[in-house]
Amino acid sequence: MQNEDLEQFAFFGLPYHPNRVLIYKRGAQWIVENTDERAAPGATRTFVSEEGALDLFVERLRLSAVE
């Protein structure tokens, strides 16, 4: 992430901030979600594996860097 200058993310998700990509674990599930300009949670995906969650997390960071 640092090599690609990807910003606007939050590990472990909280607190919510505007226009962020978040990743955190709740119980046995990994959750990746985006927040909007009001810091409201938006697009949320849940994963059983950390690997799948991390893949989507980085993909969403890359997409947000393009916008």
PDB file of N, CA and C in Angstrom:
ATOM      1  N   MET A   1       0.842  -1.180   0.000  1.00  0.00           N
ATOM      2  CA  MET A   1       0.000   0.000   0.000  1.00  0.00           C
ATOM      3  C   MET A   1       0.889   1.245   0.000  1.00  0.00           C
ATOM      4  N   GLN A   2       1.935   1.199   0.767  1.00  0.00           N
ATOM      5  CA  GLN A   2       2.825   2.348   0.830  1.00  0.00           C
ATOM      6  C   GLN A   2       3.539   2.556  -0.506  1.00  0.00           C
ATOM      7  N   ASN A   3       3.946   1.474  -1.156  1.00  0.00           N
ATOM      8  CA  ASN A   3       4.629   1.585  -2.447  1.00  0.00           C
ATOM      9  C   ASN A   3       3.738   2.191  -3.523  1.00  0.00           C
ATOM     10  N   GLU A   4       2.432   2.001  -3.404  1.00  0.00           N
ATOM     11  CA  GLU A   4       1.486   2.520  -4.401  1.00  0.00           C
ATOM     12  C   GLU A   4       0.821   3.820  -3.951  1.00  0.00           C
ATOM     13  N   ASP A   5       1.261   4.377  -2.844  1.00  0.00           N
ATOM     14  CA  ASP A   5       0.687   5.608  -2.279  1.00  0.00           C
ATOM     15  C   ASP A   5      -0.815   5.497  -2.060  1.00  0.00           C
ATOM     16  N   LEU A   6      -1.247   4.342  -1.591  1.00  0.00           N
ATOM     17  CA  LEU A   6      -2.672   4.145  -1.296  1.00  0.00           C
ATOM     18  C   LEU A   6      -2.968   4.705   0.088  1.00  0.00           C
ATOM     19  N   GLU A   7      -3.987   5.532   0.151  1.00  0.00           N
ATOM     20  CA  GLU A   7      -4.359   6.183   1.399  1.00  0.00           C
ATOM     21  C   GLU A   7      -5.842   5.945   1.664  1.00  0.00           C
ATOM     22  N   GLN A   8      -6.356   6.612   2.663  1.00  0.00           N
ATOM     23  CA  GLN A   8      -7.778   6.562   2.999  1.00  0.00           C
ATOM     24  C   GLN A   8      -8.235   5.160   3.378  1.00  0.00           C
ATOM     25  N   PHE A   9      -7.513   4.542   4.275  1.00  0.00           N
ATOM     26  CA  PHE A   9      -7.915   3.229   4.752  1.00  0.00           C
ATOM     27  C   PHE A   9      -7.850   3.192   6.271  1.00  0.00           C
ATOM     28  N   ALA A  10      -8.470   2.194   6.836  1.00  0.00           N
ATOM     29  CA  ALA A  10      -8.450   2.008   8.281  1.00  0.00           C
ATOM     30  C   ALA A  10      -8.431   0.522   8.583  1.00  0.00           C
ATOM     31  N   PHE A  11      -7.343   0.089   9.217  1.00  0.00           N
ATOM     32  CA  PHE A  11      -7.297  -1.282   9.691  1.00  0.00           C
ATOM     33  C   PHE A  11      -8.152  -1.368  10.948  1.00  0.00           C
ATOM     34  N   PHE A  12      -8.860  -2.428  11.081  1.00  0.00           N
ATOM     35  CA  PHE A  12      -9.733  -2.691  12.209  1.00  0.00           C
ATOM     36  C   PHE A  12     -10.899  -1.723  12.276  1.00  0.00           C
ATOM     37  N   GLY A  13     -11.088  -0.950  11.210  1.00  0.00           N
ATOM     38  CA  GLY A  13     -12.338  -0.300  10.917  1.00  0.00           C
ATOM     39  C   GLY A  13     -12.795   0.900  11.692  1.00  0.00           C
ATOM     40  N   LEU A  14     -12.479   1.028  12.919  1.00  0.00           N
ATOM     41  CA  LEU A  14     -13.114   2.064  13.713  1.00  0.00           C
ATOM     42  C   LEU A  14     -12.096   3.089  14.175  1.00  0.00           C
ATOM     43  N   PRO A  15     -12.464   4.337  14.370  1.00  0.00           N
ATOM     44  CA  PRO A  15     -13.780   4.904  14.107  1.00  0.00           C
ATOM     45  C   PRO A  15     -13.977   5.158  12.610  1.00  0.00           C
ATOM     46  N   TYR A  16     -15.232   5.327  12.226  1.00  0.00           N
ATOM     47  CA  TYR A  16     -15.545   5.617  10.832  1.00  0.00           C
ATOM     48  C   TYR A  16     -15.104   7.036  10.490  1.00  0.00           C
ATOM     49  N   HIS A  17     -14.523   7.177   9.313  1.00  0.00           N
ATOM     50  CA  HIS A  17     -14.144   8.484   8.767  1.00  0.00           C
ATOM     51  C   HIS A  17     -14.676   8.554   7.342  1.00  0.00           C
ATOM     52  N   PRO A  18     -14.859   9.762   6.810  1.00  0.00           N
ATOM     53  CA  PRO A  18     -15.383   9.890   5.447  1.00  0.00           C
ATOM     54  C   PRO A  18     -14.458   9.262   4.404  1.00  0.00           C
ATOM     55  N   ASN A  19     -15.071   8.667   3.392  1.00  0.00           N
ATOM     56  CA  ASN A  19     -14.371   8.165   2.205  1.00  0.00           C
ATOM     57  C   ASN A  19     -13.201   7.232   2.533  1.00  0.00           C
ATOM     58  N   ARG A  20     -13.478   6.240   3.323  1.00  0.00           N
ATOM     59  CA  ARG A  20     -12.442   5.280   3.715  1.00  0.00           C
ATOM     60  C   ARG A  20     -12.805   3.875   3.274  1.00  0.00           C
ATOM     61  N   VAL A  21     -11.789   3.050   3.136  1.00  0.00           N
ATOM     62  CA  VAL A  21     -11.957   1.610   2.968  1.00  0.00           C
ATOM     63  C   VAL A  21     -11.516   0.995   4.286  1.00  0.00           C
ATOM     64  N   LEU A  22     -12.382   0.185   4.873  1.00  0.00           N
ATOM     65  CA  LEU A  22     -12.102  -0.389   6.189  1.00  0.00           C
ATOM     66  C   LEU A  22     -12.005  -1.902   6.107  1.00  0.00           C
ATOM     67  N   ILE A  23     -11.190  -2.467   6.978  1.00  0.00           N
ATOM     68  CA  ILE A  23     -11.133  -3.917   7.124  1.00  0.00           C
ATOM     69  C   ILE A  23     -11.046  -4.216   8.613  1.00  0.00           C
ATOM     70  N   TYR A  24     -11.851  -5.173   9.047  1.00  0.00           N
ATOM     71  CA  TYR A  24     -11.823  -5.558  10.452  1.00  0.00           C
ATOM     72  C   TYR A  24     -12.396  -6.951  10.612  1.00  0.00           C
ATOM     73  N   LYS A  25     -12.155  -7.508  11.776  1.00  0.00           N
ATOM     74  CA  LYS A  25     -12.612  -8.855  12.061  1.00  0.00           C
ATOM     75  C   LYS A  25     -13.679  -8.799  13.149  1.00  0.00           C
ATOM     76  N   ARG A  26     -14.768  -9.522  12.905  1.00  0.00           N
ATOM     77  CA  ARG A  26     -15.848  -9.628  13.885  1.00  0.00           C
ATOM     78  C   ARG A  26     -16.115 -11.123  14.072  1.00  0.00           C
ATOM     79  N   GLY A  27     -15.765 -11.633  15.232  1.00  0.00           N
ATOM     80  CA  GLY A  27     -15.887 -13.064  15.465  1.00  0.00           C
ATOM     81  C   GLY A  27     -14.960 -13.807  14.532  1.00  0.00           C
ATOM     82  N   ALA A  28     -15.499 -14.744  13.772  1.00  0.00           N
ATOM     83  CA  ALA A  28     -14.699 -15.522  12.826  1.00  0.00           C
ATOM     84  C   ALA A  28     -14.726 -14.927  11.424  1.00  0.00           C
ATOM     85  N   GLN A  29     -15.407 -13.796  11.231  1.00  0.00           N
ATOM     86  CA  GLN A  29     -15.570 -13.223   9.897  1.00  0.00           C
ATOM     87  C   GLN A  29     -14.723 -11.972   9.713  1.00  0.00           C
ATOM     88  N   TRP A  30     -14.208 -11.824   8.504  1.00  0.00           N
ATOM     89  CA  TRP A  30     -13.506 -10.612   8.096  1.00  0.00           C
ATOM     90  C   TRP A  30     -14.478  -9.750   7.301  1.00  0.00           C
ATOM     91  N   ILE A  31     -14.473  -8.457   7.564  1.00  0.00           N
ATOM     92  CA  ILE A  31     -15.413  -7.533   6.926  1.00  0.00           C
ATOM     93  C   ILE A  31     -14.632  -6.419   6.234  1.00  0.00           C
ATOM     94  N   VAL A  32     -15.028  -6.153   4.987  1.00  0.00           N
ATOM     95  CA  VAL A  32     -14.462  -5.045   4.218  1.00  0.00           C
ATOM     96  C   VAL A  32     -15.630  -4.143   3.852  1.00  0.00           C
ATOM     97  N   GLU A  33     -15.488  -2.851   4.135  1.00  0.00           N
ATOM     98  CA  GLU A  33     -16.551  -1.918   3.753  1.00  0.00           C
ATOM     99  C   GLU A  33     -15.984  -0.559   3.434  1.00  0.00           C
ATOM    100  N   ASN A  34     -16.790   0.209   2.733  1.00  0.00           N
ATOM    101  CA  ASN A  34     -16.444   1.580   2.378  1.00  0.00           C
ATOM    102  C   ASN A  34     -17.350   2.524   3.145  1.00  0.00           C
ATOM    103  N   THR A  35     -16.843   3.720   3.409  1.00  0.00           N
ATOM    104  CA  THR A  35     -17.695   4.768   3.962  1.00  0.00           C
ATOM    105  C   THR A  35     -17.853   5.865   2.914  1.00  0.00           C
ATOM    106  N   ASP A  36     -18.949   6.595   3.005  1.00  0.00           N
ATOM    107  CA  ASP A  36     -19.189   7.686   2.063  1.00  0.00           C
ATOM    108  C   ASP A  36     -18.692   9.005   2.646  1.00  0.00           C
ATOM    109  N   GLU A  37     -19.020  10.097   1.974  1.00  0.00           N
ATOM    110  CA  GLU A  37     -18.550  11.421   2.399  1.00  0.00           C
ATOM    111  C   GLU A  37     -19.090  11.843   3.768  1.00  0.00           C
ATOM    112  N   ARG A  38     -20.139  11.168   4.240  1.00  0.00           N
ATOM    113  CA  ARG A  38     -20.687  11.465   5.569  1.00  0.00           C
ATOM    114  C   ARG A  38     -20.189  10.487   6.622  1.00  0.00           C
ATOM    115  N   ALA A  39     -19.261   9.615   6.231  1.00  0.00           N
ATOM    116  CA  ALA A  39     -18.700   8.568   7.094  1.00  0.00           C
ATOM    117  C   ALA A  39     -19.714   7.476   7.413  1.00  0.00           C
ATOM    118  N   ALA A  40     -20.769   7.392   6.616  1.00  0.00           N
ATOM    119  CA  ALA A  40     -21.766   6.336   6.797  1.00  0.00           C
ATOM    120  C   ALA A  40     -21.261   5.066   6.117  1.00  0.00           C
ATOM    121  N   PRO A  41     -21.418   3.914   6.772  1.00  0.00           N
ATOM    122  CA  PRO A  41     -20.981   2.672   6.147  1.00  0.00           C
ATOM    123  C   PRO A  41     -21.768   2.386   4.877  1.00  0.00           C
ATOM    124  N   GLY A  42     -21.069   1.835   3.905  1.00  0.00           N
ATOM    125  CA  GLY A  42     -21.702   1.532   2.631  1.00  0.00           C
ATOM    126  C   GLY A  42     -21.431   0.106   2.219  1.00  0.00           C
ATOM    127  N   ALA A  43     -20.909  -0.070   1.009  1.00  0.00           N
ATOM    128  CA  ALA A  43     -20.672  -1.391   0.426  1.00  0.00           C
ATOM    129  C   ALA A  43     -19.900  -2.285   1.388  1.00  0.00           C
ATOM    130  N   THR A  44     -20.553  -3.345   1.841  1.00  0.00           N
ATOM    131  CA  THR A  44     -19.973  -4.245   2.834  1.00  0.00           C
ATOM    132  C   THR A  44     -19.921  -5.663   2.287  1.00  0.00           C
ATOM    133  N   ARG A  45     -18.771  -6.311   2.452  1.00  0.00           N
ATOM    134  CA  ARG A  45     -18.615  -7.724   2.088  1.00  0.00           C
ATOM    135  C   ARG A  45     -18.030  -8.451   3.284  1.00  0.00           C
ATOM    136  N   THR A  46     -18.487  -9.656   3.497  1.00  0.00           N
ATOM    137  CA  THR A  46     -18.031 -10.481   4.612  1.00  0.00           C
ATOM    138  C   THR A  46     -17.313 -11.707   4.061  1.00  0.00           C
ATOM    139  N   PHE A  47     -16.219 -12.067   4.695  1.00  0.00           N
ATOM    140  CA  PHE A  47     -15.390 -13.190   4.269  1.00  0.00           C
ATOM    141  C   PHE A  47     -15.100 -14.110   5.441  1.00  0.00           C
ATOM    142  N   VAL A  48     -14.888 -15.377   5.123  1.00  0.00           N
ATOM    143  CA  VAL A  48     -14.456 -16.345   6.120  1.00  0.00           C
ATOM    144  C   VAL A  48     -12.931 -16.315   6.212  1.00  0.00           C
ATOM    145  N   SER A  49     -12.267 -16.064   5.083  1.00  0.00           N
ATOM    146  CA  SER A  49     -10.807 -16.077   5.069  1.00  0.00           C
ATOM    147  C   SER A  49     -10.231 -14.663   5.064  1.00  0.00           C
ATOM    148  N   GLU A  50      -9.137 -14.512   5.742  1.00  0.00           N
ATOM    149  CA  GLU A  50      -8.433 -13.235   5.766  1.00  0.00           C
ATOM    150  C   GLU A  50      -7.900 -12.894   4.372  1.00  0.00           C
ATOM    151  N   GLU A  51      -7.447 -13.889   3.645  1.00  0.00           N
ATOM    152  CA  GLU A  51      -6.863 -13.674   2.323  1.00  0.00           C
ATOM    153  C   GLU A  51      -7.862 -13.022   1.366  1.00  0.00           C
ATOM    154  N   GLY A  52      -9.083 -13.543   1.322  1.00  0.00           N
ATOM    155  CA  GLY A  52     -10.105 -12.963   0.456  1.00  0.00           C
ATOM    156  C   GLY A  52     -10.432 -11.534   0.839  1.00  0.00           C
ATOM    157  N   ALA A  53     -10.505 -11.281   2.135  1.00  0.00           N
ATOM    158  CA  ALA A  53     -10.799  -9.929   2.617  1.00  0.00           C
ATOM    159  C   ALA A  53      -9.676  -8.965   2.246  1.00  0.00           C
ATOM    160  N   LEU A  54      -8.439  -9.394   2.415  1.00  0.00           N
ATOM    161  CA  LEU A  54      -7.310  -8.525   2.082  1.00  0.00           C
ATOM    162  C   LEU A  54      -7.248  -8.230   0.588  1.00  0.00           C
ATOM    163  N   ASP A  55      -7.566  -9.219  -0.238  1.00  0.00           N
ATOM    164  CA  ASP A  55      -7.585  -8.995  -1.690  1.00  0.00           C
ATOM    165  C   ASP A  55      -8.590  -7.907  -2.065  1.00  0.00           C
ATOM    166  N   LEU A  56      -9.804  -8.004  -1.527  1.00  0.00           N
ATOM    167  CA  LEU A  56     -10.821  -6.991  -1.832  1.00  0.00           C
ATOM    168  C   LEU A  56     -10.443  -5.640  -1.237  1.00  0.00           C
ATOM    169  N   PHE A  57      -9.894  -5.627  -0.046  1.00  0.00           N
ATOM    170  CA  PHE A  57      -9.456  -4.399   0.615  1.00  0.00           C
ATOM    171  C   PHE A  57      -8.477  -3.634  -0.277  1.00  0.00           C
ATOM    172  N   VAL A  58      -7.457  -4.312  -0.772  1.00  0.00           N
ATOM    173  CA  VAL A  58      -6.454  -3.665  -1.623  1.00  0.00           C
ATOM    174  C   VAL A  58      -7.074  -3.250  -2.957  1.00  0.00           C
ATOM    175  N   GLU A  59      -7.946  -4.080  -3.516  1.00  0.00           N
ATOM    176  CA  GLU A  59      -8.618  -3.722  -4.770  1.00  0.00           C
ATOM    177  C   GLU A  59      -9.429  -2.441  -4.601  1.00  0.00           C
ATOM    178  N   ARG A  60     -10.177  -2.339  -3.526  1.00  0.00           N
ATOM    179  CA  ARG A  60     -10.980  -1.127  -3.292  1.00  0.00           C
ATOM    180  C   ARG A  60     -10.095   0.095  -3.043  1.00  0.00           C
ATOM    181  N   LEU A  61      -8.967  -0.099  -2.367  1.00  0.00           N
ATOM    182  CA  LEU A  61      -8.037   1.019  -2.168  1.00  0.00           C
ATOM    183  C   LEU A  61      -7.515   1.525  -3.509  1.00  0.00           C
ATOM    184  N   ARG A  62      -7.163   0.596  -4.374  1.00  0.00           N
ATOM    185  CA  ARG A  62      -6.667   0.984  -5.700  1.00  0.00           C
ATOM    186  C   ARG A  62      -7.737   1.740  -6.493  1.00  0.00           C
ATOM    187  N   LEU A  63      -8.969   1.279  -6.404  1.00  0.00           N
ATOM    188  CA  LEU A  63     -10.055   1.969  -7.117  1.00  0.00           C
ATOM    189  C   LEU A  63     -10.292   3.368  -6.546  1.00  0.00           C
ATOM    190  N   SER A  64     -10.207   3.507  -5.233  1.00  0.00           N
ATOM    191  CA  SER A  64     -10.432   4.818  -4.633  1.00  0.00           C
ATOM    192  C   SER A  64      -9.300   5.782  -4.955  1.00  0.00           C
ATOM    193  N   ALA A  65      -8.096   5.270  -5.212  1.00  0.00           N
ATOM    194  CA  ALA A  65      -6.973   6.123  -5.573  1.00  0.00           C
ATOM    195  C   ALA A  65      -7.124   6.695  -6.975  1.00  0.00           C
ATOM    196  N   VAL A  66      -7.871   6.015  -7.838  1.00  0.00           N
ATOM    197  CA  VAL A  66      -8.087   6.445  -9.214  1.00  0.00           C
ATOM    198  C   VAL A  66      -9.113   7.561  -9.280  1.00  0.00           C
ATOM    199  N   GLU A  67     -10.082   7.551  -8.395  1.00  0.00           N
ATOM    200  CA  GLU A  67     -11.191   8.529  -8.433  1.00  0.00           C
ATOM    201  C   GLU A  67     -10.752   9.929  -8.152  1.00  0.00           C
TER     202      GLU A  67
END
